[in-house]
Amino acid sequence: MLIRERVNHLLRRTRAERFYALRDIGFSVGHGESVAVVGHNGAGKSTLLSLATGLCRPDSGRVMVEGRVAALLELGSGFHPELTGAENIRVNAALIGLSRREVRRKFSDIVDFADIGDFIEEPVRTYSAGMVMRLAFSVAVMVDPEILIIDEVLGVGDLAFYAKCQERIRQFRDAGKTILCVSHSTETATSLCDRALWLDHGRLVGDGAITRVMDAYTAAMSTHATVSAG
């Protein structure tokens, strides 16, 4: 809170009702599973991924994650705009847990996959949104994590690189790695994942096979749209 907000909060006679982004959530993701998280805007999907990556902590309960995690959350998160693409690669790889030797060994593969040419030596603040996504995705998948977490960022960029990303995620899945992703695209979710978690107003209302959960979610959203239109 800002100071004025904190003072107003202390002086206010009636307390505003606390908002919980997630409530009574419980599930496990096994090694090698590919799981999509679906739900309307504000359902708690991004909060769930933030908990899984350790960016925030739950007010109650616990979150257990085993294995090296690479995350693609908000576009450009973890990148310093004044550092070059090459410098950001080294910093991000180190934050994920790679040693200097590992970074040197994987550096050229990351640069080649990103395919942004000479811009790799330019400050990230000069990049387009698509170029930032290219670099972020390249770092995330080329450092070979056990767990890949993605929050709806693959929609930025050209179709050729999108197809390249999807193919890399499929290879990642076929190698027995774990994937947890948020996607509003039914096609993307069903092509990349075997299971889905459906969140509604912060609660888990569906957990099961991707086609079954997506059909139920799509039907519910269609009904809501019809009622709202009427």
C-alpha atoms as a PDB file:
ATOM      1  CA  MET A   1       0.000   0.000   0.000  1.00  0.00           C
ATOM      2  CA  LEU A   2       0.955   3.639  -0.425  1.00  0.00           C
ATOM      3  CA  ILE A   3       1.196   5.621   2.835  1.00  0.00           C
ATOM      4  CA  ARG A   4      -2.145   7.363   2.250  1.00  0.00           C
ATOM      5  CA  GLU A   5      -3.833   4.046   1.532  1.00  0.00           C
ATOM      6  CA  ARG A   6      -2.406   2.511   4.701  1.00  0.00           C
ATOM      7  CA  VAL A   7      -3.589   5.485   6.815  1.00  0.00           C
ATOM      8  CA  ASN A   8      -7.066   5.318   5.289  1.00  0.00           C
ATOM      9  CA  HIS A   9      -7.120   1.573   5.917  1.00  0.00           C
ATOM     10  CA  LEU A  10      -6.237   2.056   9.607  1.00  0.00           C
ATOM     11  CA  LEU A  11      -8.816   4.835  10.116  1.00  0.00           C
ATOM     12  CA  ARG A  12     -11.638   3.160   8.228  1.00  0.00           C
ATOM     13  CA  ARG A  13     -14.339   1.901  10.594  1.00  0.00           C
ATOM     14  CA  THR A  14     -15.602  -0.797   8.282  1.00  0.00           C
ATOM     15  CA  ARG A  15     -13.067  -3.098   6.717  1.00  0.00           C
ATOM     16  CA  ALA A  16     -13.343  -3.950   3.067  1.00  0.00           C
ATOM     17  CA  GLU A  17     -13.918  -7.619   2.434  1.00  0.00           C
ATOM     18  CA  ARG A  18     -10.664  -9.402   1.699  1.00  0.00           C
ATOM     19  CA  PHE A  19     -10.357 -10.683  -1.862  1.00  0.00           C
ATOM     20  CA  TYR A  20      -8.888 -14.142  -2.361  1.00  0.00           C
ATOM     21  CA  ALA A  21      -7.523 -14.848  -5.831  1.00  0.00           C
ATOM     22  CA  LEU A  22      -7.552 -18.575  -5.018  1.00  0.00           C
ATOM     23  CA  ARG A  23      -9.422 -20.572  -2.382  1.00  0.00           C
ATOM     24  CA  ASP A  24      -9.462 -24.267  -1.453  1.00  0.00           C
ATOM     25  CA  ILE A  25      -7.185 -25.258  -4.319  1.00  0.00           C
ATOM     26  CA  GLY A  26      -5.609 -28.693  -4.162  1.00  0.00           C
ATOM     27  CA  PHE A  27      -4.010 -30.767  -6.917  1.00  0.00           C
ATOM     28  CA  SER A  28      -0.770 -32.475  -7.910  1.00  0.00           C
ATOM     29  CA  VAL A  29       1.049 -32.655 -11.237  1.00  0.00           C
ATOM     30  CA  GLY A  30       3.097 -35.777 -11.791  1.00  0.00           C
ATOM     31  CA  HIS A  31       6.471 -36.034 -13.481  1.00  0.00           C
ATOM     32  CA  GLY A  32       6.034 -35.858 -17.249  1.00  0.00           C
ATOM     33  CA  GLU A  33       2.449 -34.556 -17.209  1.00  0.00           C
ATOM     34  CA  SER A  34       1.317 -31.758 -19.526  1.00  0.00           C
ATOM     35  CA  VAL A  35      -1.412 -29.719 -17.828  1.00  0.00           C
ATOM     36  CA  ALA A  36      -3.376 -26.717 -19.111  1.00  0.00           C
ATOM     37  CA  VAL A  37      -4.975 -24.212 -16.733  1.00  0.00           C
ATOM     38  CA  VAL A  38      -8.163 -22.665 -18.135  1.00  0.00           C
ATOM     39  CA  GLY A  39     -10.760 -20.221 -16.891  1.00  0.00           C
ATOM     40  CA  HIS A  40     -12.218 -16.772 -17.500  1.00  0.00           C
ATOM     41  CA  ASN A  41     -10.198 -13.589 -16.968  1.00  0.00           C
ATOM     42  CA  GLY A  42      -9.689 -13.075 -13.245  1.00  0.00           C
ATOM     43  CA  ALA A  43     -10.255 -16.743 -12.382  1.00  0.00           C
ATOM     44  CA  GLY A  44      -6.856 -17.009 -10.669  1.00  0.00           C
ATOM     45  CA  LYS A  45      -4.798 -18.687 -13.403  1.00  0.00           C
ATOM     46  CA  SER A  46      -1.805 -16.339 -13.325  1.00  0.00           C
ATOM     47  CA  THR A  47      -1.821 -16.339  -9.517  1.00  0.00           C
ATOM     48  CA  LEU A  48      -1.648 -20.123  -9.587  1.00  0.00           C
ATOM     49  CA  LEU A  49       1.399 -20.039 -11.867  1.00  0.00           C
ATOM     50  CA  SER A  50       3.038 -17.377  -9.681  1.00  0.00           C
ATOM     51  CA  LEU A  51       2.650 -19.705  -6.697  1.00  0.00           C
ATOM     52  CA  ALA A  52       4.116 -22.603  -8.669  1.00  0.00           C
ATOM     53  CA  THR A  53       7.168 -20.565  -9.656  1.00  0.00           C
ATOM     54  CA  GLY A  54       7.689 -19.194  -6.138  1.00  0.00           C
ATOM     55  CA  LEU A  55       7.013 -15.567  -7.085  1.00  0.00           C
ATOM     56  CA  CYS A  56       4.446 -15.363  -4.286  1.00  0.00           C
ATOM     57  CA  ARG A  57       3.507 -17.436  -1.264  1.00  0.00           C
ATOM     58  CA  PRO A  58       0.107 -18.776  -0.235  1.00  0.00           C
ATOM     59  CA  ASP A  59      -1.628 -17.250   2.816  1.00  0.00           C
ATOM     60  CA  SER A  60      -2.326 -20.798   3.971  1.00  0.00           C
ATOM     61  CA  GLY A  61      -1.435 -24.273   2.822  1.00  0.00           C
ATOM     62  CA  ARG A  62       1.742 -25.104   0.967  1.00  0.00           C
ATOM     63  CA  VAL A  63       3.164 -25.439  -2.520  1.00  0.00           C
ATOM     64  CA  MET A  64       5.784 -28.115  -3.221  1.00  0.00           C
ATOM     65  CA  VAL A  65       7.800 -28.067  -6.452  1.00  0.00           C
ATOM     66  CA  GLU A  66      10.559 -30.545  -7.228  1.00  0.00           C
ATOM     67  CA  GLY A  67      12.930 -29.905 -10.115  1.00  0.00           C
ATOM     68  CA  ARG A  68      14.447 -27.005 -12.038  1.00  0.00           C
ATOM     69  CA  VAL A  69      11.721 -24.613 -13.203  1.00  0.00           C
ATOM     70  CA  ALA A  70      11.784 -22.323 -16.248  1.00  0.00           C
ATOM     71  CA  ALA A  71       8.867 -19.899 -16.528  1.00  0.00           C
ATOM     72  CA  LEU A  72       7.423 -17.678 -19.254  1.00  0.00           C
ATOM     73  CA  LEU A  73       5.025 -15.398 -17.410  1.00  0.00           C
ATOM     74  CA  GLU A  74       4.562 -11.694 -18.126  1.00  0.00           C
ATOM     75  CA  LEU A  75       6.314 -10.825 -21.373  1.00  0.00           C
ATOM     76  CA  GLY A  76       9.840  -9.616 -20.662  1.00  0.00           C
ATOM     77  CA  SER A  77       9.734 -10.383 -16.957  1.00  0.00           C
ATOM     78  CA  GLY A  78      13.237 -11.036 -15.693  1.00  0.00           C
ATOM     79  CA  PHE A  79      14.840  -9.015 -18.495  1.00  0.00           C
ATOM     80  CA  HIS A  80      16.665  -5.764 -17.773  1.00  0.00           C
ATOM     81  CA  PRO A  81      15.845  -3.268 -20.529  1.00  0.00           C
ATOM     82  CA  GLU A  82      19.285  -1.625 -20.477  1.00  0.00           C
ATOM     83  CA  LEU A  83      21.184  -4.909 -20.843  1.00  0.00           C
ATOM     84  CA  THR A  84      21.737  -6.454 -24.249  1.00  0.00           C
ATOM     85  CA  GLY A  85      20.005  -9.635 -25.309  1.00  0.00           C
ATOM     86  CA  ALA A  86      23.266 -11.559 -24.822  1.00  0.00           C
ATOM     87  CA  GLU A  87      23.711 -10.167 -21.319  1.00  0.00           C
ATOM     88  CA  ASN A  88      20.111 -10.982 -20.411  1.00  0.00           C
ATOM     89  CA  ILE A  89      20.616 -14.567 -21.590  1.00  0.00           C
ATOM     90  CA  ARG A  90      23.514 -14.991 -19.163  1.00  0.00           C
ATOM     91  CA  VAL A  91      21.634 -13.365 -16.277  1.00  0.00           C
ATOM     92  CA  ASN A  92      18.429 -15.363 -16.818  1.00  0.00           C
ATOM     93  CA  ALA A  93      20.239 -18.658 -17.239  1.00  0.00           C
ATOM     94  CA  ALA A  94      22.137 -18.005 -14.007  1.00  0.00           C
ATOM     95  CA  LEU A  95      18.872 -17.217 -12.175  1.00  0.00           C
ATOM     96  CA  ILE A  96      17.422 -20.518 -13.336  1.00  0.00           C
ATOM     97  CA  GLY A  97      20.447 -22.240 -11.826  1.00  0.00           C
ATOM     98  CA  LEU A  98      22.916 -22.856 -14.634  1.00  0.00           C
ATOM     99  CA  SER A  99      26.625 -22.629 -13.933  1.00  0.00           C
ATOM    100  CA  ARG A 100      28.877 -20.378 -16.042  1.00  0.00           C
ATOM    101  CA  ARG A 101      30.165 -23.424 -17.879  1.00  0.00           C
ATOM    102  CA  GLU A 102      26.624 -24.553 -18.713  1.00  0.00           C
ATOM    103  CA  VAL A 103      25.707 -21.051 -19.898  1.00  0.00           C
ATOM    104  CA  ARG A 104      28.728 -20.954 -22.204  1.00  0.00           C
ATOM    105  CA  ARG A 105      27.854 -24.383 -23.578  1.00  0.00           C
ATOM    106  CA  LYS A 106      24.206 -23.503 -24.301  1.00  0.00           C
ATOM    107  CA  PHE A 107      24.658 -19.848 -25.287  1.00  0.00           C
ATOM    108  CA  SER A 108      24.949 -20.355 -29.055  1.00  0.00           C
ATOM    109  CA  ASP A 109      21.936 -22.726 -29.091  1.00  0.00           C
ATOM    110  CA  ILE A 110      19.820 -20.088 -27.308  1.00  0.00           C
ATOM    111  CA  VAL A 111      20.906 -17.368 -29.742  1.00  0.00           C
ATOM    112  CA  ASP A 112      20.285 -19.591 -32.774  1.00  0.00           C
ATOM    113  CA  PHE A 113      16.794 -20.556 -31.590  1.00  0.00           C
ATOM    114  CA  ALA A 114      15.821 -16.933 -30.863  1.00  0.00           C
ATOM    115  CA  ASP A 115      16.949 -15.960 -34.370  1.00  0.00           C
ATOM    116  CA  ILE A 116      16.949 -12.192 -33.812  1.00  0.00           C
ATOM    117  CA  GLY A 117      20.199 -11.545 -35.674  1.00  0.00           C
ATOM    118  CA  ASP A 118      22.486  -8.702 -34.656  1.00  0.00           C
ATOM    119  CA  PHE A 119      19.871  -7.423 -32.190  1.00  0.00           C
ATOM    120  CA  ILE A 120      21.292  -9.930 -29.714  1.00  0.00           C
ATOM    121  CA  GLU A 121      23.968  -7.290 -28.956  1.00  0.00           C
ATOM    122  CA  GLU A 122      21.437  -4.438 -28.610  1.00  0.00           C
ATOM    123  CA  PRO A 123      19.619  -3.341 -25.402  1.00  0.00           C
ATOM    124  CA  VAL A 124      16.336  -5.190 -24.837  1.00  0.00           C
ATOM    125  CA  ARG A 125      14.505  -1.829 -24.622  1.00  0.00           C
ATOM    126  CA  THR A 126      14.972  -1.591 -28.410  1.00  0.00           C
ATOM    127  CA  TYR A 127      13.204  -4.943 -29.011  1.00  0.00           C
ATOM    128  CA  SER A 128       9.686  -5.429 -30.293  1.00  0.00           C
ATOM    129  CA  ALA A 129       7.267  -7.546 -28.232  1.00  0.00           C
ATOM    130  CA  GLY A 130       7.821 -10.438 -30.627  1.00  0.00           C
ATOM    131  CA  MET A 131      11.596 -10.254 -30.245  1.00  0.00           C
ATOM    132  CA  VAL A 132      11.312 -10.214 -26.455  1.00  0.00           C
ATOM    133  CA  MET A 133       9.117 -13.317 -26.612  1.00  0.00           C
ATOM    134  CA  ARG A 134      11.595 -15.051 -28.915  1.00  0.00           C
ATOM    135  CA  LEU A 135      14.446 -14.426 -26.514  1.00  0.00           C
ATOM    136  CA  ALA A 136      12.470 -15.341 -23.393  1.00  0.00           C
ATOM    137  CA  PHE A 137      11.161 -18.584 -24.881  1.00  0.00           C
ATOM    138  CA  SER A 138      14.603 -19.540 -26.154  1.00  0.00           C
ATOM    139  CA  VAL A 139      16.158 -19.146 -22.722  1.00  0.00           C
ATOM    140  CA  ALA A 140      13.314 -21.047 -21.049  1.00  0.00           C
ATOM    141  CA  VAL A 141      13.444 -24.131 -23.279  1.00  0.00           C
ATOM    142  CA  MET A 142      17.140 -24.321 -24.130  1.00  0.00           C
ATOM    143  CA  VAL A 143      18.336 -24.432 -20.512  1.00  0.00           C
ATOM    144  CA  ASP A 144      16.633 -27.849 -20.292  1.00  0.00           C
ATOM    145  CA  PRO A 145      14.485 -27.470 -17.144  1.00  0.00           C
ATOM    146  CA  GLU A 146      12.506 -30.326 -15.614  1.00  0.00           C
ATOM    147  CA  ILE A 147       9.386 -28.124 -15.431  1.00  0.00           C
ATOM    148  CA  LEU A 148       8.219 -25.545 -17.991  1.00  0.00           C
ATOM    149  CA  ILE A 149       5.558 -23.020 -16.931  1.00  0.00           C
ATOM    150  CA  ILE A 150       3.917 -20.820 -19.583  1.00  0.00           C
ATOM    151  CA  ASP A 151       1.365 -18.043 -19.123  1.00  0.00           C
ATOM    152  CA  GLU A 152      -0.247 -17.155 -22.476  1.00  0.00           C
ATOM    153  CA  VAL A 153       2.736 -15.406 -24.075  1.00  0.00           C
ATOM    154  CA  LEU A 154       3.074 -17.471 -27.246  1.00  0.00           C
ATOM    155  CA  GLY A 155       0.372 -15.423 -28.968  1.00  0.00           C
ATOM    156  CA  VAL A 156       2.933 -12.653 -29.502  1.00  0.00           C
ATOM    157  CA  GLY A 157       5.110 -12.981 -32.589  1.00  0.00           C
ATOM    158  CA  ASP A 158       4.927 -14.354 -36.112  1.00  0.00           C
ATOM    159  CA  LEU A 159       3.276 -17.626 -37.118  1.00  0.00           C
ATOM    160  CA  ALA A 160       6.553 -19.281 -38.124  1.00  0.00           C
ATOM    161  CA  PHE A 161       8.097 -18.814 -34.689  1.00  0.00           C
ATOM    162  CA  TYR A 162       4.820 -19.830 -33.019  1.00  0.00           C
ATOM    163  CA  ALA A 163       4.949 -23.136 -34.904  1.00  0.00           C
ATOM    164  CA  LYS A 164       8.606 -23.493 -33.925  1.00  0.00           C
ATOM    165  CA  CYS A 165       7.676 -22.959 -30.256  1.00  0.00           C
ATOM    166  CA  GLN A 166       4.882 -25.523 -30.406  1.00  0.00           C
ATOM    167  CA  GLU A 167       7.193 -28.101 -31.927  1.00  0.00           C
ATOM    168  CA  ARG A 168       9.816 -27.451 -29.242  1.00  0.00           C
ATOM    169  CA  ILE A 169       7.178 -27.858 -26.505  1.00  0.00           C
ATOM    170  CA  ARG A 170       6.084 -31.171 -28.054  1.00  0.00           C
ATOM    171  CA  GLN A 171       9.701 -32.356 -28.023  1.00  0.00           C
ATOM    172  CA  PHE A 172       9.942 -31.195 -24.435  1.00  0.00           C
ATOM    173  CA  ARG A 173       6.802 -33.182 -23.550  1.00  0.00           C
ATOM    174  CA  ASP A 174       7.963 -36.286 -25.458  1.00  0.00           C
ATOM    175  CA  ALA A 175      11.219 -36.164 -23.476  1.00  0.00           C
ATOM    176  CA  GLY A 176       9.191 -36.720 -20.291  1.00  0.00           C
ATOM    177  CA  LYS A 177       9.362 -33.152 -18.956  1.00  0.00           C
ATOM    178  CA  THR A 178       6.523 -31.505 -17.020  1.00  0.00           C
ATOM    179  CA  ILE A 179       4.467 -28.663 -18.529  1.00  0.00           C
ATOM    180  CA  LEU A 180       2.022 -26.337 -16.777  1.00  0.00           C
ATOM    181  CA  CYS A 181       0.498 -23.674 -19.003  1.00  0.00           C
ATOM    182  CA  VAL A 182      -2.297 -21.134 -19.191  1.00  0.00           C
ATOM    183  CA  SER A 183      -3.972 -20.766 -22.565  1.00  0.00           C
ATOM    184  CA  HIS A 184      -7.211 -19.214 -23.799  1.00  0.00           C
ATOM    185  CA  SER A 185      -6.798 -21.140 -27.048  1.00  0.00           C
ATOM    186  CA  THR A 186      -8.657 -24.454 -27.023  1.00  0.00           C
ATOM    187  CA  GLU A 187      -6.628 -25.636 -30.000  1.00  0.00           C
ATOM    188  CA  THR A 188      -3.298 -24.863 -28.316  1.00  0.00           C
ATOM    189  CA  ALA A 189      -4.327 -26.440 -25.016  1.00  0.00           C
ATOM    190  CA  THR A 190      -5.581 -29.673 -26.567  1.00  0.00           C
ATOM    191  CA  SER A 191      -2.570 -30.023 -28.872  1.00  0.00           C
ATOM    192  CA  LEU A 192       0.027 -29.556 -26.132  1.00  0.00           C
ATOM    193  CA  CYS A 193      -1.623 -30.957 -22.996  1.00  0.00           C
ATOM    194  CA  ASP A 194      -3.216 -34.202 -21.828  1.00  0.00           C
ATOM    195  CA  ARG A 195      -4.975 -32.817 -18.741  1.00  0.00           C
ATOM    196  CA  ALA A 196      -6.708 -29.577 -17.769  1.00  0.00           C
ATOM    197  CA  LEU A 197      -7.476 -27.690 -14.561  1.00  0.00           C
ATOM    198  CA  TRP A 198     -10.532 -25.402 -14.750  1.00  0.00           C
ATOM    199  CA  LEU A 199     -10.603 -22.434 -12.386  1.00  0.00           C
ATOM    200  CA  ASP A 200     -13.722 -20.371 -11.749  1.00  0.00           C
ATOM    201  CA  HIS A 201     -13.630 -17.368  -9.401  1.00  0.00           C
ATOM    202  CA  GLY A 202     -10.570 -18.727  -7.621  1.00  0.00           C
ATOM    203  CA  ARG A 203     -11.861 -22.251  -7.115  1.00  0.00           C
ATOM    204  CA  LEU A 204     -11.000 -25.493  -8.864  1.00  0.00           C
ATOM    205  CA  VAL A 205     -14.189 -26.710 -10.563  1.00  0.00           C
ATOM    206  CA  GLY A 206     -12.731 -29.172 -13.059  1.00  0.00           C
ATOM    207  CA  ASP A 207      -9.717 -31.500 -13.215  1.00  0.00           C
ATOM    208  CA  GLY A 208      -9.374 -34.276 -15.749  1.00  0.00           C
ATOM    209  CA  ALA A 209      -8.723 -35.290 -19.332  1.00  0.00           C
ATOM    210  CA  ILE A 210      -8.107 -32.266 -21.549  1.00  0.00           C
ATOM    211  CA  THR A 211     -10.970 -32.914 -24.000  1.00  0.00           C
ATOM    212  CA  ARG A 212     -13.560 -33.523 -21.268  1.00  0.00           C
ATOM    213  CA  VAL A 213     -12.624 -30.442 -19.237  1.00  0.00           C
ATOM    214  CA  MET A 214     -12.304 -28.197 -22.289  1.00  0.00           C
ATOM    215  CA  ASP A 215     -15.720 -29.301 -23.598  1.00  0.00           C
ATOM    216  CA  ALA A 216     -17.320 -28.520 -20.223  1.00  0.00           C
ATOM    217  CA  TYR A 217     -15.504 -25.167 -19.970  1.00  0.00           C
ATOM    218  CA  THR A 218     -16.419 -24.156 -23.532  1.00  0.00           C
ATOM    219  CA  ALA A 219     -20.061 -25.080 -22.956  1.00  0.00           C
ATOM    220  CA  ALA A 220     -20.166 -23.062 -19.731  1.00  0.00           C
ATOM    221  CA  MET A 221     -18.594 -20.028 -21.397  1.00  0.00           C
ATOM    222  CA  SER A 222     -21.036 -20.270 -24.321  1.00  0.00           C
ATOM    223  CA  THR A 223     -23.987 -20.386 -21.927  1.00  0.00           C
ATOM    224  CA  HIS A 224     -22.677 -17.375 -20.015  1.00  0.00           C
ATOM    225  CA  ALA A 225     -22.184 -15.428 -23.263  1.00  0.00           C
ATOM    226  CA  THR A 226     -25.733 -16.244 -24.362  1.00  0.00           C
ATOM    227  CA  VAL A 227     -27.243 -15.161 -21.033  1.00  0.00           C
ATOM    228  CA  SER A 228     -25.191 -11.925 -21.024  1.00  0.00           C
ATOM    229  CA  ALA A 229     -26.246 -11.138 -24.578  1.00  0.00           C
ATOM    230  CA  GLY A 230     -29.889 -11.823 -23.755  1.00  0.00           C
END
